[in-house]
Protein backbone atom coordinates (compact mmCIF):
# COMPACT_ATOMS: atom_id res chain seq x y z
CA MET A 1 97.13 39.57 4.48
CA ASP A 2 96.92 36.29 2.60
CA GLY A 3 98.11 36.44 -0.98
CA TYR A 4 96.42 35.44 -4.20
CA ASN A 5 96.41 31.69 -4.79
CA LEU A 6 95.99 30.74 -8.45
CA SER A 7 95.43 27.02 -7.84
CA THR A 8 92.67 27.78 -5.32
CA ASP A 9 91.01 30.16 -7.78
CA LEU A 10 91.18 27.67 -10.62
CA HIS A 11 89.77 24.86 -8.50
CA ALA A 12 86.89 27.04 -7.30
CA GLN A 13 85.92 27.70 -10.92
CA GLN A 14 85.60 24.01 -11.75
CA PRO A 15 82.09 23.06 -12.93
CA GLY A 16 80.06 21.43 -10.19
CA ALA A 17 82.07 22.89 -7.30
CA SER A 18 79.69 22.90 -4.32
CA ALA A 19 78.99 25.85 -2.03
CA MET A 20 80.78 23.98 0.76
CA SER A 21 83.86 23.62 -1.45
CA GLN A 22 83.81 27.31 -2.22
CA ASP A 23 83.39 28.08 1.50
CA SER A 24 86.52 26.02 2.21
CA LEU A 25 88.57 27.09 -0.78
CA GLN A 26 87.66 30.78 -0.62
CA SER A 27 87.42 31.23 3.14
CA VAL A 28 89.76 34.23 3.24
CA TYR A 29 87.79 35.88 0.42
CA ARG A 30 84.54 35.34 2.33
CA GLU A 31 86.09 36.60 5.59
CA ARG A 32 87.20 39.81 3.94
CA LEU A 33 83.85 40.22 2.18
CA LEU A 34 81.94 39.89 5.46
CA GLU A 35 84.36 42.29 7.17
CA HIS A 36 83.74 44.87 4.44
CA LEU A 37 79.96 44.39 4.69
CA LEU A 38 80.08 44.92 8.46
CA VAL A 39 82.34 47.97 8.28
CA GLY A 40 80.22 49.43 5.46
CA GLU A 41 77.04 49.04 7.52
CA LEU A 42 78.66 50.59 10.60
CA LEU A 43 79.99 53.52 8.52
CA LYS A 44 76.57 54.01 6.93
CA HIS A 45 74.93 54.05 10.36
CA SER A 46 77.50 56.57 11.58
CA TRP A 47 76.91 58.74 8.51
CA LEU A 48 73.14 58.71 8.87
CA HIS A 49 72.82 58.99 12.66
CA HIS A 50 76.08 60.18 14.25
CA GLY A 51 77.63 62.83 12.00
CA ALA A 52 80.10 60.45 10.30
CA GLU A 53 82.16 60.14 13.50
CA LEU A 54 83.29 56.52 13.10
CA GLU A 55 86.95 55.89 12.29
CA VAL A 56 88.13 52.45 11.13
CA SER A 57 91.71 51.13 11.16
CA THR A 58 93.30 47.75 10.54
CA PRO A 59 96.47 46.43 12.18
CA SER A 60 99.50 45.66 10.01
CA VAL A 61 100.32 42.62 12.15
CA ASP A 62 97.95 40.10 13.74
CA ARG A 63 99.68 39.85 17.11
CA ALA A 64 97.07 40.77 19.69
CA GLY A 65 94.01 39.08 18.23
CA HIS A 66 92.12 42.04 16.80
CA ASP A 67 91.17 42.42 13.14
CA ILE A 68 89.96 46.02 13.14
CA VAL A 69 90.01 49.08 15.39
CA LEU A 70 86.84 51.16 15.59
CA GLU A 71 86.68 54.57 17.24
CA ALA A 72 83.68 56.80 17.92
CA LYS A 73 82.32 58.90 20.80
CA GLY A 74 85.72 58.81 22.50
CA VAL A 75 85.63 54.99 22.67
CA THR A 76 88.27 52.86 20.96
CA ARG A 77 87.31 49.25 20.27
CA HIS A 78 89.87 46.62 19.29
CA VAL A 79 87.65 44.06 17.57
CA GLN A 80 88.21 40.42 16.79
CA LEU A 81 85.86 39.36 14.00
CA LYS A 82 84.27 35.93 13.68
CA ALA A 83 81.70 34.67 11.22
CA SER A 84 79.51 31.65 10.67
CA SER A 85 76.36 30.99 8.71
CA THR A 86 73.00 30.94 10.44
CA ASP A 87 72.63 27.26 9.51
CA GLY A 88 76.09 26.41 10.84
CA ALA A 89 76.73 24.31 13.93
CA THR A 90 79.45 26.49 15.46
CA ARG A 91 78.85 26.69 19.22
CA SER A 92 82.02 28.47 20.33
CA GLN A 93 84.78 30.74 19.10
CA ILE A 94 88.50 30.80 19.80
CA THR A 95 89.28 34.21 21.27
CA HIS A 96 92.64 35.86 21.93
CA THR A 97 93.30 36.77 25.57
CA HIS A 98 95.29 39.87 24.56
CA LEU A 99 91.99 41.56 23.69
CA GLY A 100 91.65 42.05 27.44
CA ARG A 101 94.77 44.25 27.40
CA LYS A 102 93.17 46.65 24.94
CA PRO A 103 90.74 49.39 25.90
CA SER A 104 87.25 48.07 25.19
CA GLY A 105 88.45 44.92 23.40
CA CYS A 106 85.60 42.79 22.09
CA VAL A 107 84.51 40.07 19.67
CA ILE A 108 81.82 40.53 17.02
CA TRP A 109 80.54 37.22 15.69
CA MET A 110 78.70 37.87 12.44
CA ARG A 111 75.93 35.40 11.63
CA PHE A 112 75.17 35.47 7.92
CA ASP A 113 72.77 33.86 5.46
CA ARG A 114 74.73 31.41 3.31
CA LYS A 115 72.43 31.93 0.29
CA ASP A 116 73.04 35.66 -0.18
CA LEU A 117 75.74 36.50 2.43
CA ARG A 118 73.35 38.95 4.11
CA LEU A 119 74.36 39.78 7.68
CA ASP A 120 71.50 38.27 9.68
CA HIS A 121 72.43 39.15 13.27
CA PHE A 122 75.45 39.47 15.55
CA LEU A 123 76.80 37.93 18.72
CA PHE A 124 78.80 40.30 20.92
CA PHE A 125 81.39 39.39 23.55
CA GLY A 126 82.71 42.41 25.39
CA GLY A 127 82.09 44.95 28.08
CA ALA A 128 80.43 48.32 28.12
CA PRO A 129 82.09 51.07 26.08
CA GLY A 130 85.25 52.23 27.85
CA THR A 131 85.68 49.05 29.89
CA PRO A 132 88.11 46.23 29.16
CA LEU A 133 87.05 42.73 28.22
CA ALA A 134 86.48 40.53 31.27
CA CYS A 135 89.18 38.01 32.18
CA MET A 136 88.88 34.83 30.13
CA ASP A 137 91.01 32.56 32.32
CA HIS A 138 88.00 30.43 33.27
CA TYR A 139 87.40 29.38 29.65
CA VAL A 140 89.09 26.29 28.22
CA THR A 141 92.52 26.93 26.69
CA ALA A 142 92.57 26.19 22.95
CA ARG A 143 94.93 23.60 21.48
CA HIS A 144 96.74 23.36 18.17
CA THR A 145 94.70 21.53 15.56
CA ARG A 146 97.68 19.37 14.57
CA GLY A 147 99.77 17.25 16.84
CA ASP A 148 103.53 17.46 17.22
CA ALA A 149 105.85 14.58 16.23
CA ASN A 150 104.38 12.56 19.11
CA GLY A 151 100.79 13.36 18.16
CA ILE A 152 100.34 15.71 21.11
CA LYS A 153 98.20 18.77 20.46
CA LYS A 154 99.85 21.43 22.57
CA GLU A 155 97.96 24.19 24.33
CA ARG A 156 97.82 27.67 22.83
CA PRO A 157 98.09 29.71 26.07
CA ASN A 158 96.85 33.01 24.60
CA LEU A 159 93.67 31.54 23.13
CA ARG A 160 90.44 30.56 24.88
CA ILE A 161 87.37 28.69 23.67
CA VAL A 162 84.42 30.97 24.42
CA PRO A 163 80.98 29.34 24.14
CA ALA A 164 78.15 31.00 22.23
CA THR A 165 76.25 31.32 25.53
CA ALA A 166 78.80 33.93 26.67
CA PHE A 167 77.87 36.20 23.74
CA LYS A 168 75.03 38.72 23.68
CA ARG A 169 72.68 38.40 20.70
CA ILE A 170 72.28 41.66 18.78
CA ALA A 171 69.68 41.86 16.01
CA THR A 172 70.62 44.99 14.04
CA ILE A 173 73.50 47.26 13.06
CA ASP A 174 71.83 50.08 15.05
CA GLU A 175 71.93 47.93 18.20
CA LEU A 176 75.49 46.82 17.48
CA TYR A 177 76.67 50.43 17.09
CA ALA A 178 75.00 51.28 20.40
CA ALA A 179 76.63 48.29 22.14
CA LEU A 180 80.02 49.37 20.81
CA PHE A 181 79.84 53.09 21.58
CA CYS A 182 76.83 54.06 23.73
CA PRO A 183 77.14 53.15 27.46
CA ALA A 184 73.36 53.34 28.05
CA ALA A 185 72.81 50.53 25.51
CA GLN A 186 74.45 47.84 27.66
CA GLU A 187 72.05 45.42 29.30
CA ALA A 188 71.92 41.76 30.31
CA PRO A 189 72.98 39.24 27.65
CA VAL A 190 70.31 37.61 25.52
CA HIS A 191 71.83 34.35 24.36
CA GLU A 192 71.30 32.73 21.00
């Protein structure tokens, strides 16, 4: 987990710091906040509708691309989390190929309202509960953002650029829970 950065905190408190500056300077804070909001909503749904069956774990090491592990109804989901605001221009996400090695690996892309950080809707990339993530070899291989000494941006062989059109749009936490753990809930993708 990223540590506390005093200079980042001090800069973010400067008068006149814009929301975009805070988004950039406090990106890890916002990531963790959105993760907690999502997990809280999933736990609440489990409590109210499924006998508090949901278990949540986090890996100690980020080696295989997942941020959290969710388990309910005998289904274990290794989940890579992504987030962008509803007014953002993000049209793809970089996804780790090792998710395909995990049982029911998937990506949850949280779309949130920048004004109040409310979770607006979700984009889901994954298979039915109990099935592995489909092979991602046909997606473009991601590259490092910085070049080497010769300016060459080398490929990152375990990462793929997955377009938003490959994700299924999910409107509510109830529907997301069903997509994660209820086989009957799977249907054709509805793209954003």
